[in-house]
Amino acid sequence: MSKSAKRSKSIIVRLIVLFVASYMVVTLIGLYRELTDSQNKLTALKAELQSEQIKIEEYKALLSDGTHADIIEKAARERLGYVYSNEEVYVDISGN
């Protein structure tokens, strides 16, 4: 083999290796982004699960300890927005 044939094969092999390495890096970056997105979603879902579990515990405590009047009062306050006549309600609109 002549030097030019070896050199052209060497350049082709290097280009192929460079292309494969570039493809692998781009794929890894995409997978990393997908992983971080999934972790963020998992964190949000865990927070939502915790919130729902707290609500469930409150409902269980209300059912076991409270009377029907307490359950009706809680439903009227939460679902219908009812308040007592001498009560002032403040709504936090800051979003925190």
PDB file of N, CA and C in Angstrom:
ATOM      1  N   MET A   1       0.827  -1.175   0.000  1.00  0.00           N
ATOM      2  CA  MET A   1       0.000   0.000   0.000  1.00  0.00           C
ATOM      3  C   MET A   1       0.870   1.237   0.000  1.00  0.00           C
ATOM      4  N   SER A   2       0.381   2.205  -0.687  1.00  0.00           N
ATOM      5  CA  SER A   2       1.138   3.453  -0.736  1.00  0.00           C
ATOM      6  C   SER A   2       0.731   4.341   0.438  1.00  0.00           C
ATOM      7  N   LYS A   3       1.523   5.369   0.654  1.00  0.00           N
ATOM      8  CA  LYS A   3       1.268   6.268   1.768  1.00  0.00           C
ATOM      9  C   LYS A   3      -0.052   7.004   1.593  1.00  0.00           C
ATOM     10  N   SER A   4      -0.409   7.375   0.396  1.00  0.00           N
ATOM     11  CA  SER A   4      -1.647   8.125   0.171  1.00  0.00           C
ATOM     12  C   SER A   4      -2.863   7.241   0.439  1.00  0.00           C
ATOM     13  N   ALA A   5      -2.806   5.955   0.149  1.00  0.00           N
ATOM     14  CA  ALA A   5      -3.925   5.050   0.413  1.00  0.00           C
ATOM     15  C   ALA A   5      -4.099   4.862   1.919  1.00  0.00           C
ATOM     16  N   LYS A   6      -2.974   4.713   2.649  1.00  0.00           N
ATOM     17  CA  LYS A   6      -3.046   4.588   4.100  1.00  0.00           C
ATOM     18  C   LYS A   6      -3.590   5.881   4.723  1.00  0.00           C
ATOM     19  N   ARG A   7      -3.141   6.998   4.183  1.00  0.00           N
ATOM     20  CA  ARG A   7      -3.556   8.289   4.724  1.00  0.00           C
ATOM     21  C   ARG A   7      -5.052   8.507   4.490  1.00  0.00           C
ATOM     22  N   SER A   8      -5.559   8.155   3.320  1.00  0.00           N
ATOM     23  CA  SER A   8      -6.986   8.356   3.041  1.00  0.00           C
ATOM     24  C   SER A   8      -7.838   7.418   3.903  1.00  0.00           C
ATOM     25  N   LYS A   9      -7.372   6.192   4.138  1.00  0.00           N
ATOM     26  CA  LYS A   9      -8.097   5.280   5.017  1.00  0.00           C
ATOM     27  C   LYS A   9      -8.079   5.798   6.454  1.00  0.00           C
ATOM     28  N   SER A  10      -6.952   6.352   6.845  1.00  0.00           N
ATOM     29  CA  SER A  10      -6.818   6.891   8.189  1.00  0.00           C
ATOM     30  C   SER A  10      -7.762   8.080   8.389  1.00  0.00           C
ATOM     31  N   ILE A  11      -7.886   8.928   7.388  1.00  0.00           N
ATOM     32  CA  ILE A  11      -8.782  10.085   7.481  1.00  0.00           C
ATOM     33  C   ILE A  11     -10.233   9.618   7.551  1.00  0.00           C
ATOM     34  N   ILE A  12     -10.590   8.625   6.761  1.00  0.00           N
ATOM     35  CA  ILE A  12     -11.959   8.104   6.773  1.00  0.00           C
ATOM     36  C   ILE A  12     -12.281   7.490   8.131  1.00  0.00           C
ATOM     37  N   VAL A  13     -11.359   6.720   8.684  1.00  0.00           N
ATOM     38  CA  VAL A  13     -11.574   6.109   9.997  1.00  0.00           C
ATOM     39  C   VAL A  13     -11.718   7.191  11.060  1.00  0.00           C
ATOM     40  N   ARG A  14     -10.892   8.208  10.992  1.00  0.00           N
ATOM     41  CA  ARG A  14     -10.979   9.305  11.958  1.00  0.00           C
ATOM     42  C   ARG A  14     -12.307  10.041  11.846  1.00  0.00           C
ATOM     43  N   LEU A  15     -12.778  10.265  10.625  1.00  0.00           N
ATOM     44  CA  LEU A  15     -14.060  10.935  10.430  1.00  0.00           C
ATOM     45  C   LEU A  15     -15.210  10.094  10.983  1.00  0.00           C
ATOM     46  N   ILE A  16     -15.151   8.797  10.764  1.00  0.00           N
ATOM     47  CA  ILE A  16     -16.188   7.908  11.284  1.00  0.00           C
ATOM     48  C   ILE A  16     -16.175   7.921  12.813  1.00  0.00           C
ATOM     49  N   VAL A  17     -15.010   7.839  13.403  1.00  0.00           N
ATOM     50  CA  VAL A  17     -14.894   7.868  14.867  1.00  0.00           C
ATOM     51  C   VAL A  17     -15.388   9.214  15.399  1.00  0.00           C
ATOM     52  N   LEU A  18     -15.054  10.297  14.737  1.00  0.00           N
ATOM     53  CA  LEU A  18     -15.511  11.621  15.151  1.00  0.00           C
ATOM     54  C   LEU A  18     -17.032  11.722  15.069  1.00  0.00           C
ATOM     55  N   PHE A  19     -17.618  11.203  13.984  1.00  0.00           N
ATOM     56  CA  PHE A  19     -19.070  11.229  13.827  1.00  0.00           C
ATOM     57  C   PHE A  19     -19.745  10.404  14.920  1.00  0.00           C
ATOM     58  N   VAL A  20     -19.256   9.222  15.184  1.00  0.00           N
ATOM     59  CA  VAL A  20     -19.851   8.365  16.210  1.00  0.00           C
ATOM     60  C   VAL A  20     -19.725   9.016  17.587  1.00  0.00           C
ATOM     61  N   ALA A  21     -18.573   9.581  17.877  1.00  0.00           N
ATOM     62  CA  ALA A  21     -18.374  10.247  19.166  1.00  0.00           C
ATOM     63  C   ALA A  21     -19.309  11.449  19.303  1.00  0.00           C
ATOM     64  N   SER A  22     -19.468  12.222  18.247  1.00  0.00           N
ATOM     65  CA  SER A  22     -20.375  13.377  18.269  1.00  0.00           C
ATOM     66  C   SER A  22     -21.811  12.922  18.497  1.00  0.00           C
ATOM     67  N   TYR A  23     -22.210  11.872  17.810  1.00  0.00           N
ATOM     68  CA  TYR A  23     -23.558  11.341  17.973  1.00  0.00           C
ATOM     69  C   TYR A  23     -23.788  10.878  19.414  1.00  0.00           C
ATOM     70  N   MET A  24     -22.810  10.237  20.007  1.00  0.00           N
ATOM     71  CA  MET A  24     -22.929   9.749  21.377  1.00  0.00           C
ATOM     72  C   MET A  24     -23.053  10.916  22.359  1.00  0.00           C
ATOM     73  N   VAL A  25     -22.271  11.966  22.144  1.00  0.00           N
ATOM     74  CA  VAL A  25     -22.334  13.126  23.034  1.00  0.00           C
ATOM     75  C   VAL A  25     -23.702  13.795  22.940  1.00  0.00           C
ATOM     76  N   VAL A  26     -24.204  13.978  21.726  1.00  0.00           N
ATOM     77  CA  VAL A  26     -25.513  14.604  21.546  1.00  0.00           C
ATOM     78  C   VAL A  26     -26.606  13.741  22.178  1.00  0.00           C
ATOM     79  N   THR A  27     -26.517  12.442  22.007  1.00  0.00           N
ATOM     80  CA  THR A  27     -27.495  11.536  22.600  1.00  0.00           C
ATOM     81  C   THR A  27     -27.433  11.595  24.122  1.00  0.00           C
ATOM     82  N   LEU A  28     -26.253  11.620  24.693  1.00  0.00           N
ATOM     83  CA  LEU A  28     -26.112  11.706  26.154  1.00  0.00           C
ATOM     84  C   LEU A  28     -26.679  13.014  26.694  1.00  0.00           C
ATOM     85  N   ILE A  29     -26.473  14.107  25.981  1.00  0.00           N
ATOM     86  CA  ILE A  29     -27.019  15.398  26.412  1.00  0.00           C
ATOM     87  C   ILE A  29     -28.547  15.338  26.408  1.00  0.00           C
ATOM     88  N   GLY A  30     -29.120  14.754  25.365  1.00  0.00           N
ATOM     89  CA  GLY A  30     -30.575  14.611  25.304  1.00  0.00           C
ATOM     90  C   GLY A  30     -31.109  13.746  26.424  1.00  0.00           C
ATOM     91  N   LEU A  31     -30.434  12.656  26.713  1.00  0.00           N
ATOM     92  CA  LEU A  31     -30.857  11.775  27.798  1.00  0.00           C
ATOM     93  C   LEU A  31     -30.734  12.457  29.157  1.00  0.00           C
ATOM     94  N   TYR A  32     -29.704  13.274  29.328  1.00  0.00           N
ATOM     95  CA  TYR A  32     -29.535  14.001  30.585  1.00  0.00           C
ATOM     96  C   TYR A  32     -30.670  14.994  30.786  1.00  0.00           C
ATOM     97  N   ARG A  33     -31.040  15.696  29.713  1.00  0.00           N
ATOM     98  CA  ARG A  33     -32.167  16.634  29.805  1.00  0.00           C
ATOM     99  C   ARG A  33     -33.454  15.894  30.156  1.00  0.00           C
ATOM    100  N   GLU A  34     -33.674  14.774  29.530  1.00  0.00           N
ATOM    101  CA  GLU A  34     -34.868  13.978  29.813  1.00  0.00           C
ATOM    102  C   GLU A  34     -34.872  13.496  31.260  1.00  0.00           C
ATOM    103  N   LEU A  35     -33.705  13.115  31.761  1.00  0.00           N
ATOM    104  CA  LEU A  35     -33.584  12.671  33.147  1.00  0.00           C
ATOM    105  C   LEU A  35     -33.909  13.800  34.113  1.00  0.00           C
ATOM    106  N   THR A  36     -33.378  14.993  33.882  1.00  0.00           N
ATOM    107  CA  THR A  36     -33.658  16.112  34.786  1.00  0.00           C
ATOM    108  C   THR A  36     -35.134  16.508  34.734  1.00  0.00           C
ATOM    109  N   ASP A  37     -35.732  16.474  33.543  1.00  0.00           N
ATOM    110  CA  ASP A  37     -37.169  16.761  33.442  1.00  0.00           C
ATOM    111  C   ASP A  37     -37.977  15.732  34.232  1.00  0.00           C
ATOM    112  N   SER A  38     -37.610  14.483  34.108  1.00  0.00           N
ATOM    113  CA  SER A  38     -38.322  13.427  34.829  1.00  0.00           C
ATOM    114  C   SER A  38     -38.142  13.567  36.337  1.00  0.00           C
ATOM    115  N   GLN A  39     -36.954  13.956  36.762  1.00  0.00           N
ATOM    116  CA  GLN A  39     -36.719  14.155  38.194  1.00  0.00           C
ATOM    117  C   GLN A  39     -37.544  15.326  38.723  1.00  0.00           C
ATOM    118  N   ASN A  40     -37.652  16.398  37.933  1.00  0.00           N
ATOM    119  CA  ASN A  40     -38.470  17.538  38.348  1.00  0.00           C
ATOM    120  C   ASN A  40     -39.943  17.141  38.446  1.00  0.00           C
ATOM    121  N   LYS A  41     -40.419  16.361  37.482  1.00  0.00           N
ATOM    122  CA  LYS A  41     -41.802  15.893  37.530  1.00  0.00           C
ATOM    123  C   LYS A  41     -42.024  15.000  38.743  1.00  0.00           C
ATOM    124  N   LEU A  42     -41.048  14.142  39.036  1.00  0.00           N
ATOM    125  CA  LEU A  42     -41.153  13.258  40.196  1.00  0.00           C
ATOM    126  C   LEU A  42     -41.225  14.054  41.485  1.00  0.00           C
ATOM    127  N   THR A  43     -40.416  15.088  41.602  1.00  0.00           N
ATOM    128  CA  THR A  43     -40.431  15.937  42.789  1.00  0.00           C
ATOM    129  C   THR A  43     -41.785  16.611  42.949  1.00  0.00           C
ATOM    130  N   ALA A  44     -42.328  17.119  41.846  1.00  0.00           N
ATOM    131  CA  ALA A  44     -43.639  17.769  41.899  1.00  0.00           C
ATOM    132  C   ALA A  44     -44.727  16.764  42.281  1.00  0.00           C
ATOM    133  N   LEU A  45     -44.650  15.574  41.725  1.00  0.00           N
ATOM    134  CA  LEU A  45     -45.649  14.550  42.047  1.00  0.00           C
ATOM    135  C   LEU A  45     -45.544  14.091  43.498  1.00  0.00           C
ATOM    136  N   LYS A  46     -44.321  14.022  44.017  1.00  0.00           N
ATOM    137  CA  LYS A  46     -44.157  13.647  45.424  1.00  0.00           C
ATOM    138  C   LYS A  46     -44.753  14.708  46.336  1.00  0.00           C
ATOM    139  N   ALA A  47     -44.568  15.989  45.976  1.00  0.00           N
ATOM    140  CA  ALA A  47     -45.151  17.066  46.769  1.00  0.00           C
ATOM    141  C   ALA A  47     -46.674  16.999  46.714  1.00  0.00           C
ATOM    142  N   GLU A  48     -47.214  16.726  45.529  1.00  0.00           N
ATOM    143  CA  GLU A  48     -48.660  16.597  45.387  1.00  0.00           C
ATOM    144  C   GLU A  48     -49.185  15.403  46.181  1.00  0.00           C
ATOM    145  N   LEU A  49     -48.450  14.306  46.160  1.00  0.00           N
ATOM    146  CA  LEU A  49     -48.836  13.125  46.929  1.00  0.00           C
ATOM    147  C   LEU A  49     -48.859  13.438  48.421  1.00  0.00           C
ATOM    148  N   GLN A  50     -47.855  14.135  48.895  1.00  0.00           N
ATOM    149  CA  GLN A  50     -47.788  14.512  50.306  1.00  0.00           C
ATOM    150  C   GLN A  50     -48.990  15.372  50.682  1.00  0.00           C
ATOM    151  N   SER A  51     -49.323  16.321  49.825  1.00  0.00           N
ATOM    152  CA  SER A  51     -50.469  17.194  50.071  1.00  0.00           C
ATOM    153  C   SER A  51     -51.767  16.392  50.127  1.00  0.00           C
ATOM    154  N   GLU A  52     -51.918  15.471  49.203  1.00  0.00           N
ATOM    155  CA  GLU A  52     -53.128  14.644  49.183  1.00  0.00           C
ATOM    156  C   GLU A  52     -53.201  13.727  50.407  1.00  0.00           C
ATOM    157  N   GLN A  53     -52.055  13.217  50.835  1.00  0.00           N
ATOM    158  CA  GLN A  53     -52.050  12.365  52.024  1.00  0.00           C
ATOM    159  C   GLN A  53     -52.431  13.160  53.271  1.00  0.00           C
ATOM    160  N   ILE A  54     -52.006  14.400  53.341  1.00  0.00           N
ATOM    161  CA  ILE A  54     -52.385  15.254  54.467  1.00  0.00           C
ATOM    162  C   ILE A  54     -53.893  15.492  54.454  1.00  0.00           C
ATOM    163  N   LYS A  55     -54.444  15.751  53.272  1.00  0.00           N
ATOM    164  CA  LYS A  55     -55.896  15.938  53.167  1.00  0.00           C
ATOM    165  C   LYS A  55     -56.649  14.679  53.596  1.00  0.00           C
ATOM    166  N   ILE A  56     -56.151  13.541  53.170  1.00  0.00           N
ATOM    167  CA  ILE A  56     -56.799  12.276  53.533  1.00  0.00           C
ATOM    168  C   ILE A  56     -56.778  12.079  55.043  1.00  0.00           C
ATOM    169  N   GLU A  57     -55.643  12.360  55.664  1.00  0.00           N
ATOM    170  CA  GLU A  57     -55.546  12.227  57.120  1.00  0.00           C
ATOM    171  C   GLU A  57     -56.509  13.179  57.825  1.00  0.00           C
ATOM    172  N   GLU A  58     -56.639  14.410  57.290  1.00  0.00           N
ATOM    173  CA  GLU A  58     -57.585  15.352  57.885  1.00  0.00           C
ATOM    174  C   GLU A  58     -59.009  14.825  57.774  1.00  0.00           C
ATOM    175  N   TYR A  59     -59.352  14.285  56.617  1.00  0.00           N
ATOM    176  CA  TYR A  59     -60.693  13.743  56.429  1.00  0.00           C
ATOM    177  C   TYR A  59     -60.942  12.539  57.335  1.00  0.00           C
ATOM    178  N   LYS A  60     -59.930  11.693  57.473  1.00  0.00           N
ATOM    179  CA  LYS A  60     -60.080  10.542  58.380  1.00  0.00           C
ATOM    180  C   LYS A  60     -60.294  11.008  59.811  1.00  0.00           C
ATOM    181  N   ALA A  61     -59.512  11.993  60.241  1.00  0.00           N
ATOM    182  CA  ALA A  61     -59.657  12.514  61.603  1.00  0.00           C
ATOM    183  C   ALA A  61     -61.018  13.159  61.785  1.00  0.00           C
ATOM    184  N   LEU A  62     -61.472  13.872  60.781  1.00  0.00           N
ATOM    185  CA  LEU A  62     -62.778  14.514  60.868  1.00  0.00           C
ATOM    186  C   LEU A  62     -63.889  13.483  60.942  1.00  0.00           C
ATOM    187  N   LEU A  63     -63.773  12.416  60.173  1.00  0.00           N
ATOM    188  CA  LEU A  63     -64.795  11.376  60.191  1.00  0.00           C
ATOM    189  C   LEU A  63     -64.803  10.602  61.500  1.00  0.00           C
ATOM    190  N   SER A  64     -63.636  10.354  62.045  1.00  0.00           N
ATOM    191  CA  SER A  64     -63.587   9.559  63.272  1.00  0.00           C
ATOM    192  C   SER A  64     -63.940  10.387  64.507  1.00  0.00           C
ATOM    193  N   ASP A  65     -63.548  11.654  64.547  1.00  0.00           N
ATOM    194  CA  ASP A  65     -63.763  12.479  65.732  1.00  0.00           C
ATOM    195  C   ASP A  65     -65.006  13.354  65.644  1.00  0.00           C
ATOM    196  N   GLY A  66     -65.266  13.866  64.458  1.00  0.00           N
ATOM    197  CA  GLY A  66     -66.303  14.883  64.322  1.00  0.00           C
ATOM    198  C   GLY A  66     -67.702  14.324  64.194  1.00  0.00           C
ATOM    199  N   THR A  67     -68.616  15.227  64.335  1.00  0.00           N
ATOM    200  CA  THR A  67     -70.014  14.878  64.135  1.00  0.00           C
ATOM    201  C   THR A  67     -70.389  15.239  62.712  1.00  0.00           C
ATOM    202  N   HIS A  68     -71.601  14.961  62.358  1.00  0.00           N
ATOM    203  CA  HIS A  68     -72.041  15.296  61.008  1.00  0.00           C
ATOM    204  C   HIS A  68     -72.067  16.805  60.792  1.00  0.00           C
ATOM    205  N   ALA A  69     -72.308  17.552  61.842  1.00  0.00           N
ATOM    206  CA  ALA A  69     -72.330  19.012  61.729  1.00  0.00           C
ATOM    207  C   ALA A  69     -70.948  19.543  61.337  1.00  0.00           C
ATOM    208  N   ASP A  70     -69.896  18.952  61.903  1.00  0.00           N
ATOM    209  CA  ASP A  70     -68.539  19.375  61.557  1.00  0.00           C
ATOM    210  C   ASP A  70     -68.237  19.088  60.083  1.00  0.00           C
ATOM    211  N   ILE A  71     -68.674  17.953  59.613  1.00  0.00           N
ATOM    212  CA  ILE A  71     -68.438  17.581  58.216  1.00  0.00           C
ATOM    213  C   ILE A  71     -69.198  18.525  57.294  1.00  0.00           C
ATOM    214  N   ILE A  72     -70.424  18.835  57.635  1.00  0.00           N
ATOM    215  CA  ILE A  72     -71.231  19.745  56.816  1.00  0.00           C
ATOM    216  C   ILE A  72     -70.624  21.143  56.826  1.00  0.00           C
ATOM    217  N   GLU A  73     -70.161  21.595  57.986  1.00  0.00           N
ATOM    218  CA  GLU A  73     -69.546  22.914  58.085  1.00  0.00           C
ATOM    219  C   GLU A  73     -68.284  22.995  57.235  1.00  0.00           C
ATOM    220  N   LYS A  74     -67.453  21.972  57.309  1.00  0.00           N
ATOM    221  CA  LYS A  74     -66.216  21.970  56.525  1.00  0.00           C
ATOM    222  C   LYS A  74     -66.522  21.982  55.031  1.00  0.00           C
ATOM    223  N   ALA A  75     -67.506  21.205  54.609  1.00  0.00           N
ATOM    224  CA  ALA A  75     -67.883  21.170  53.194  1.00  0.00           C
ATOM    225  C   ALA A  75     -68.430  22.523  52.752  1.00  0.00           C
ATOM    226  N   ALA A  76     -69.235  23.157  53.585  1.00  0.00           N
ATOM    227  CA  ALA A  76     -69.794  24.468  53.238  1.00  0.00           C
ATOM    228  C   ALA A  76     -68.698  25.511  53.123  1.00  0.00           C
ATOM    229  N   ARG A  77     -67.713  25.456  53.991  1.00  0.00           N
ATOM    230  CA  ARG A  77     -66.610  26.416  53.939  1.00  0.00           C
ATOM    231  C   ARG A  77     -65.725  26.197  52.710  1.00  0.00           C
ATOM    232  N   GLU A  78     -65.357  24.944  52.446  1.00  0.00           N
ATOM    233  CA  GLU A  78     -64.409  24.661  51.368  1.00  0.00           C
ATOM    234  C   GLU A  78     -65.053  24.733  49.987  1.00  0.00           C
ATOM    235  N   ARG A  79     -66.191  24.099  49.831  1.00  0.00           N
ATOM    236  CA  ARG A  79     -66.795  23.992  48.501  1.00  0.00           C
ATOM    237  C   ARG A  79     -67.633  25.204  48.125  1.00  0.00           C
ATOM    238  N   LEU A  80     -68.377  25.735  49.087  1.00  0.00           N
ATOM    239  CA  LEU A  80     -69.312  26.811  48.780  1.00  0.00           C
ATOM    240  C   LEU A  80     -68.810  28.187  49.199  1.00  0.00           C
ATOM    241  N   GLY A  81     -67.755  28.217  50.003  1.00  0.00           N
ATOM    242  CA  GLY A  81     -67.181  29.489  50.415  1.00  0.00           C
ATOM    243  C   GLY A  81     -67.986  30.202  51.490  1.00  0.00           C
ATOM    244  N   TYR A  82     -68.788  29.487  52.245  1.00  0.00           N
ATOM    245  CA  TYR A  82     -69.594  30.086  53.301  1.00  0.00           C
ATOM    246  C   TYR A  82     -68.716  30.472  54.476  1.00  0.00           C
ATOM    247  N   VAL A  83     -69.121  31.563  55.161  1.00  0.00           N
ATOM    248  CA  VAL A  83     -68.447  32.007  56.379  1.00  0.00           C
ATOM    249  C   VAL A  83     -69.506  32.452  57.377  1.00  0.00           C
ATOM    250  N   TYR A  84     -69.100  32.567  58.618  1.00  0.00           N
ATOM    251  CA  TYR A  84     -70.013  33.097  59.631  1.00  0.00           C
ATOM    252  C   TYR A  84     -70.192  34.596  59.417  1.00  0.00           C
ATOM    253  N   SER A  85     -71.292  35.154  59.915  1.00  0.00           N
ATOM    254  CA  SER A  85     -71.593  36.572  59.688  1.00  0.00           C
ATOM    255  C   SER A  85     -70.577  37.500  60.361  1.00  0.00           C
ATOM    256  N   ASN A  86     -69.988  37.095  61.448  1.00  0.00           N
ATOM    257  CA  ASN A  86     -69.021  37.943  62.151  1.00  0.00           C
ATOM    258  C   ASN A  86     -67.571  37.583  61.787  1.00  0.00           C
ATOM    259  N   GLU A  87     -67.368  36.891  60.712  1.00  0.00           N
ATOM    260  CA  GLU A  87     -66.046  36.386  60.345  1.00  0.00           C
ATOM    261  C   GLU A  87     -65.509  37.148  59.127  1.00  0.00           C
ATOM    262  N   GLU A  88     -64.226  37.464  59.151  1.00  0.00           N
ATOM    263  CA  GLU A  88     -63.582  38.116  58.016  1.00  0.00           C
ATOM    264  C   GLU A  88     -62.623  37.116  57.377  1.00  0.00           C
ATOM    265  N   VAL A  89     -62.671  37.016  56.056  1.00  0.00           N
ATOM    266  CA  VAL A  89     -61.832  36.077  55.344  1.00  0.00           C
ATOM    267  C   VAL A  89     -60.855  36.856  54.474  1.00  0.00           C
ATOM    268  N   TYR A  90     -59.590  36.512  54.578  1.00  0.00           N
ATOM    269  CA  TYR A  90     -58.549  37.129  53.768  1.00  0.00           C
ATOM    270  C   TYR A  90     -58.011  36.068  52.812  1.00  0.00           C
ATOM    271  N   VAL A  91     -57.865  36.461  51.554  1.00  0.00           N
ATOM    272  CA  VAL A  91     -57.388  35.537  50.527  1.00  0.00           C
ATOM    273  C   VAL A  91     -55.993  35.975  50.110  1.00  0.00           C
ATOM    274  N   ASP A  92     -55.069  35.051  50.156  1.00  0.00           N
ATOM    275  CA  ASP A  92     -53.691  35.302  49.760  1.00  0.00           C
ATOM    276  C   ASP A  92     -53.585  35.142  48.250  1.00  0.00           C
ATOM    277  N   ILE A  93     -53.312  36.242  47.544  1.00  0.00           N
ATOM    278  CA  ILE A  93     -53.223  36.193  46.077  1.00  0.00           C
ATOM    279  C   ILE A  93     -51.786  36.274  45.592  1.00  0.00           C
ATOM    280  N   SER A  94     -50.838  36.164  46.513  1.00  0.00           N
ATOM    281  CA  SER A  94     -49.431  36.278  46.134  1.00  0.00           C
ATOM    282  C   SER A  94     -48.943  35.056  45.371  1.00  0.00           C
ATOM    283  N   GLY A  95     -49.620  33.930  45.504  1.00  0.00           N
ATOM    284  CA  GLY A  95     -49.236  32.727  44.774  1.00  0.00           C
ATOM    285  C   GLY A  95     -48.212  31.882  45.491  1.00  0.00           C
ATOM    286  N   ASN A  96     -47.855  32.227  46.700  1.00  0.00           N
ATOM    287  CA  ASN A  96     -46.865  31.442  47.466  1.00  0.00           C
ATOM    288  C   ASN A  96     -47.535  30.396  48.254  1.00  0.00           C
TER     289      ASN A  96
END
